[in-house]
Amino acid sequence: MDLGSLIQLMRSAIITIITVASPVLIVAMGVGLIVSIFQATTSIQDQTLTFVPKILAILGVLAALFGWMVTRLTSFTILLFERIPDLAK
């Protein structure tokens, strides 16, 4: 396996990781921002107020996008297994 194909493989791995993780991270960041604004306007500084909505939003996104995430990760894993003979050369 030459350096160009190794770089392409690593690039596709990073893109797959970013693509799969970004919906969850964006929703968590958005919910955190909304809760922070709510806490600043109401002067409520309870720790569970930030934790519970984030967990519920993340679980909702995972439930909604789980099939897509598994499909994306499975296709990348199949690509890796197909490239194993090239790695041995």
N, C-alpha and C. Protein backbone atom coordinates (compact mmCIF):
# COMPACT_ATOMS: atom_id res chain seq x y z
N MET A 1 0.86 -1.16 0.00
CA MET A 1 0.00 0.00 0.00
C MET A 1 0.91 1.24 0.00
N ASP A 2 0.64 2.12 -0.91
CA ASP A 2 1.47 3.32 -0.99
C ASP A 2 0.92 4.43 -0.09
N LEU A 3 1.68 5.48 0.01
CA LEU A 3 1.33 6.57 0.92
C LEU A 3 0.04 7.28 0.51
N GLY A 4 -0.20 7.41 -0.79
CA GLY A 4 -1.41 8.08 -1.26
C GLY A 4 -2.68 7.35 -0.86
N SER A 5 -2.68 6.04 -0.99
CA SER A 5 -3.88 5.29 -0.62
C SER A 5 -4.07 5.26 0.90
N LEU A 6 -2.97 5.28 1.65
CA LEU A 6 -3.08 5.34 3.10
C LEU A 6 -3.66 6.68 3.54
N ILE A 7 -3.22 7.75 2.92
CA ILE A 7 -3.76 9.07 3.23
C ILE A 7 -5.24 9.15 2.87
N GLN A 8 -5.62 8.57 1.74
CA GLN A 8 -7.03 8.55 1.34
C GLN A 8 -7.87 7.75 2.34
N LEU A 9 -7.34 6.64 2.83
CA LEU A 9 -8.05 5.83 3.81
C LEU A 9 -8.23 6.59 5.12
N MET A 10 -7.19 7.28 5.58
CA MET A 10 -7.29 8.06 6.81
C MET A 10 -8.25 9.25 6.63
N ARG A 11 -8.22 9.86 5.46
CA ARG A 11 -9.13 10.97 5.19
C ARG A 11 -10.59 10.51 5.23
N SER A 12 -10.86 9.36 4.63
CA SER A 12 -12.24 8.87 4.65
C SER A 12 -12.65 8.45 6.06
N ALA A 13 -11.70 7.97 6.88
CA ALA A 13 -12.03 7.64 8.27
C ALA A 13 -12.39 8.89 9.05
N ILE A 14 -11.62 9.96 8.88
CA ILE A 14 -11.90 11.20 9.60
C ILE A 14 -13.22 11.80 9.15
N ILE A 15 -13.49 11.78 7.85
CA ILE A 15 -14.76 12.31 7.35
C ILE A 15 -15.93 11.50 7.88
N THR A 16 -15.78 10.18 7.96
CA THR A 16 -16.84 9.33 8.50
C THR A 16 -17.09 9.64 9.97
N ILE A 17 -16.03 9.81 10.73
CA ILE A 17 -16.18 10.13 12.16
C ILE A 17 -16.89 11.46 12.34
N ILE A 18 -16.47 12.47 11.59
CA ILE A 18 -17.08 13.79 11.71
C ILE A 18 -18.55 13.75 11.28
N THR A 19 -18.82 13.04 10.21
CA THR A 19 -20.20 12.96 9.70
C THR A 19 -21.13 12.27 10.68
N VAL A 20 -20.65 11.21 11.32
CA VAL A 20 -21.50 10.46 12.25
C VAL A 20 -21.67 11.20 13.57
N ALA A 21 -20.62 11.87 14.04
CA ALA A 21 -20.68 12.51 15.36
C ALA A 21 -21.30 13.90 15.33
N SER A 22 -21.26 14.57 14.19
CA SER A 22 -21.68 15.97 14.17
C SER A 22 -23.16 16.21 14.51
N PRO A 23 -24.11 15.40 14.09
CA PRO A 23 -25.50 15.70 14.49
C PRO A 23 -25.70 15.69 16.01
N VAL A 24 -25.09 14.73 16.67
CA VAL A 24 -25.23 14.65 18.12
C VAL A 24 -24.56 15.85 18.79
N LEU A 25 -23.38 16.20 18.33
CA LEU A 25 -22.66 17.32 18.94
C LEU A 25 -23.36 18.65 18.70
N ILE A 26 -23.91 18.83 17.51
CA ILE A 26 -24.61 20.08 17.20
C ILE A 26 -25.87 20.23 18.05
N VAL A 27 -26.61 19.14 18.21
CA VAL A 27 -27.82 19.20 19.05
C VAL A 27 -27.45 19.46 20.51
N ALA A 28 -26.41 18.80 21.00
CA ALA A 28 -25.98 19.02 22.39
C ALA A 28 -25.54 20.46 22.61
N MET A 29 -24.83 21.01 21.63
CA MET A 29 -24.39 22.40 21.75
C MET A 29 -25.59 23.36 21.70
N GLY A 30 -26.53 23.10 20.82
CA GLY A 30 -27.71 23.95 20.73
C GLY A 30 -28.56 23.91 21.99
N VAL A 31 -28.78 22.73 22.52
CA VAL A 31 -29.56 22.61 23.75
C VAL A 31 -28.82 23.26 24.91
N GLY A 32 -27.51 23.09 24.96
CA GLY A 32 -26.73 23.74 26.02
C GLY A 32 -26.81 25.24 25.95
N LEU A 33 -26.78 25.78 24.73
CA LEU A 33 -26.89 27.23 24.57
C LEU A 33 -28.26 27.74 25.00
N ILE A 34 -29.30 27.03 24.61
CA ILE A 34 -30.66 27.44 24.99
C ILE A 34 -30.84 27.38 26.50
N VAL A 35 -30.33 26.31 27.12
CA VAL A 35 -30.46 26.19 28.57
C VAL A 35 -29.64 27.26 29.27
N SER A 36 -28.47 27.59 28.75
CA SER A 36 -27.64 28.64 29.35
C SER A 36 -28.33 30.00 29.27
N ILE A 37 -28.95 30.27 28.13
CA ILE A 37 -29.69 31.54 28.00
C ILE A 37 -30.86 31.56 28.97
N PHE A 38 -31.56 30.44 29.09
CA PHE A 38 -32.67 30.35 30.04
C PHE A 38 -32.19 30.55 31.48
N GLN A 39 -31.06 29.94 31.82
CA GLN A 39 -30.53 30.10 33.17
C GLN A 39 -30.08 31.54 33.44
N ALA A 40 -29.52 32.18 32.44
CA ALA A 40 -29.06 33.56 32.63
C ALA A 40 -30.24 34.52 32.80
N THR A 41 -31.32 34.26 32.08
CA THR A 41 -32.46 35.17 32.18
C THR A 41 -33.28 34.94 33.44
N THR A 42 -33.31 33.73 33.96
CA THR A 42 -34.13 33.43 35.13
C THR A 42 -33.32 33.33 36.42
N SER A 43 -32.00 33.40 36.34
CA SER A 43 -31.10 33.28 37.50
C SER A 43 -31.25 31.96 38.23
N ILE A 44 -31.61 30.91 37.50
CA ILE A 44 -31.66 29.57 38.07
C ILE A 44 -30.32 28.90 37.76
N GLN A 45 -29.61 28.46 38.77
CA GLN A 45 -28.29 27.86 38.56
C GLN A 45 -28.25 26.42 39.05
N ASP A 46 -29.24 25.66 38.71
CA ASP A 46 -29.30 24.26 39.11
C ASP A 46 -28.49 23.42 38.12
N GLN A 47 -27.69 22.48 38.63
CA GLN A 47 -26.85 21.65 37.77
C GLN A 47 -27.66 20.68 36.92
N THR A 48 -28.74 20.15 37.47
CA THR A 48 -29.53 19.19 36.72
C THR A 48 -30.28 19.85 35.57
N LEU A 49 -30.47 21.14 35.64
CA LEU A 49 -31.18 21.84 34.57
C LEU A 49 -30.37 21.80 33.27
N THR A 50 -29.06 21.76 33.37
CA THR A 50 -28.25 21.67 32.15
C THR A 50 -28.06 20.22 31.71
N PHE A 51 -28.05 19.30 32.65
CA PHE A 51 -27.74 17.91 32.34
C PHE A 51 -28.90 17.16 31.71
N VAL A 52 -30.07 17.26 32.29
CA VAL A 52 -31.22 16.46 31.86
C VAL A 52 -31.67 16.81 30.42
N PRO A 53 -31.85 18.08 30.05
CA PRO A 53 -32.27 18.36 28.67
C PRO A 53 -31.24 17.91 27.62
N LYS A 54 -29.96 18.04 27.95
CA LYS A 54 -28.94 17.59 27.00
C LYS A 54 -29.01 16.09 26.79
N ILE A 55 -29.15 15.34 27.87
CA ILE A 55 -29.24 13.88 27.76
C ILE A 55 -30.47 13.48 26.97
N LEU A 56 -31.60 14.12 27.24
CA LEU A 56 -32.82 13.78 26.50
C LEU A 56 -32.70 14.13 25.02
N ALA A 57 -32.10 15.26 24.70
CA ALA A 57 -31.92 15.65 23.30
C ALA A 57 -30.96 14.71 22.59
N ILE A 58 -29.88 14.33 23.25
CA ILE A 58 -28.91 13.42 22.65
C ILE A 58 -29.55 12.05 22.42
N LEU A 59 -30.31 11.56 23.39
CA LEU A 59 -31.00 10.28 23.20
C LEU A 59 -32.01 10.35 22.06
N GLY A 60 -32.69 11.49 21.92
CA GLY A 60 -33.64 11.65 20.82
C GLY A 60 -32.95 11.64 19.46
N VAL A 61 -31.82 12.33 19.37
CA VAL A 61 -31.08 12.34 18.10
C VAL A 61 -30.52 10.96 17.79
N LEU A 62 -29.99 10.28 18.81
CA LEU A 62 -29.49 8.92 18.59
C LEU A 62 -30.61 7.98 18.16
N ALA A 63 -31.78 8.12 18.74
CA ALA A 63 -32.91 7.27 18.35
C ALA A 63 -33.35 7.56 16.93
N ALA A 64 -33.33 8.84 16.55
CA ALA A 64 -33.79 9.22 15.21
C ALA A 64 -32.79 8.85 14.13
N LEU A 65 -31.50 8.97 14.42
CA LEU A 65 -30.48 8.78 13.39
C LEU A 65 -29.67 7.50 13.55
N PHE A 66 -30.10 6.60 14.43
CA PHE A 66 -29.31 5.40 14.69
C PHE A 66 -29.14 4.54 13.44
N GLY A 67 -30.19 4.37 12.67
CA GLY A 67 -30.10 3.56 11.46
C GLY A 67 -29.12 4.13 10.46
N TRP A 68 -29.18 5.44 10.27
CA TRP A 68 -28.25 6.10 9.35
C TRP A 68 -26.81 5.97 9.84
N MET A 69 -26.60 6.16 11.15
CA MET A 69 -25.25 6.05 11.70
C MET A 69 -24.68 4.64 11.53
N VAL A 70 -25.49 3.65 11.81
CA VAL A 70 -25.02 2.27 11.68
C VAL A 70 -24.73 1.94 10.22
N THR A 71 -25.57 2.41 9.31
CA THR A 71 -25.34 2.17 7.89
C THR A 71 -24.04 2.81 7.43
N ARG A 72 -23.81 4.02 7.86
CA ARG A 72 -22.57 4.73 7.47
C ARG A 72 -21.33 4.03 8.03
N LEU A 73 -21.38 3.64 9.30
CA LEU A 73 -20.24 2.96 9.91
C LEU A 73 -20.04 1.57 9.34
N THR A 74 -21.13 0.88 9.01
CA THR A 74 -21.02 -0.45 8.41
C THR A 74 -20.40 -0.38 7.03
N SER A 75 -20.79 0.60 6.24
CA SER A 75 -20.21 0.71 4.90
C SER A 75 -18.73 1.04 4.97
N PHE A 76 -18.32 1.85 5.95
CA PHE A 76 -16.89 2.14 6.10
C PHE A 76 -16.13 0.91 6.57
N THR A 77 -16.72 0.14 7.47
CA THR A 77 -16.08 -1.08 7.94
C THR A 77 -15.92 -2.10 6.82
N ILE A 78 -16.93 -2.22 5.98
CA ILE A 78 -16.84 -3.13 4.83
C ILE A 78 -15.74 -2.67 3.89
N LEU A 79 -15.63 -1.37 3.68
CA LEU A 79 -14.55 -0.82 2.86
C LEU A 79 -13.18 -1.18 3.44
N LEU A 80 -13.05 -1.07 4.76
CA LEU A 80 -11.78 -1.43 5.41
C LEU A 80 -11.45 -2.90 5.22
N PHE A 81 -12.43 -3.77 5.40
CA PHE A 81 -12.19 -5.20 5.24
C PHE A 81 -11.86 -5.56 3.80
N GLU A 82 -12.44 -4.84 2.85
CA GLU A 82 -12.11 -5.08 1.45
C GLU A 82 -10.70 -4.63 1.12
N ARG A 83 -10.17 -3.66 1.85
CA ARG A 83 -8.83 -3.14 1.59
C ARG A 83 -7.74 -3.89 2.32
N ILE A 84 -8.08 -4.89 3.16
CA ILE A 84 -7.08 -5.65 3.90
C ILE A 84 -6.06 -6.32 2.97
N PRO A 85 -6.47 -6.93 1.87
CA PRO A 85 -5.44 -7.52 0.99
C PRO A 85 -4.45 -6.50 0.44
N ASP A 86 -4.92 -5.26 0.22
CA ASP A 86 -3.99 -4.21 -0.23
C ASP A 86 -3.00 -3.82 0.85
N LEU A 87 -3.40 -3.94 2.09
CA LEU A 87 -2.50 -3.60 3.20
C LEU A 87 -1.36 -4.63 3.32
N ALA A 88 -1.62 -5.85 2.93
CA ALA A 88 -0.62 -6.91 3.06
C ALA A 88 0.47 -6.82 2.00
N LYS A 89 0.22 -6.07 0.96
CA LYS A 89 1.20 -5.99 -0.13
C LYS A 89 2.37 -5.12 0.23
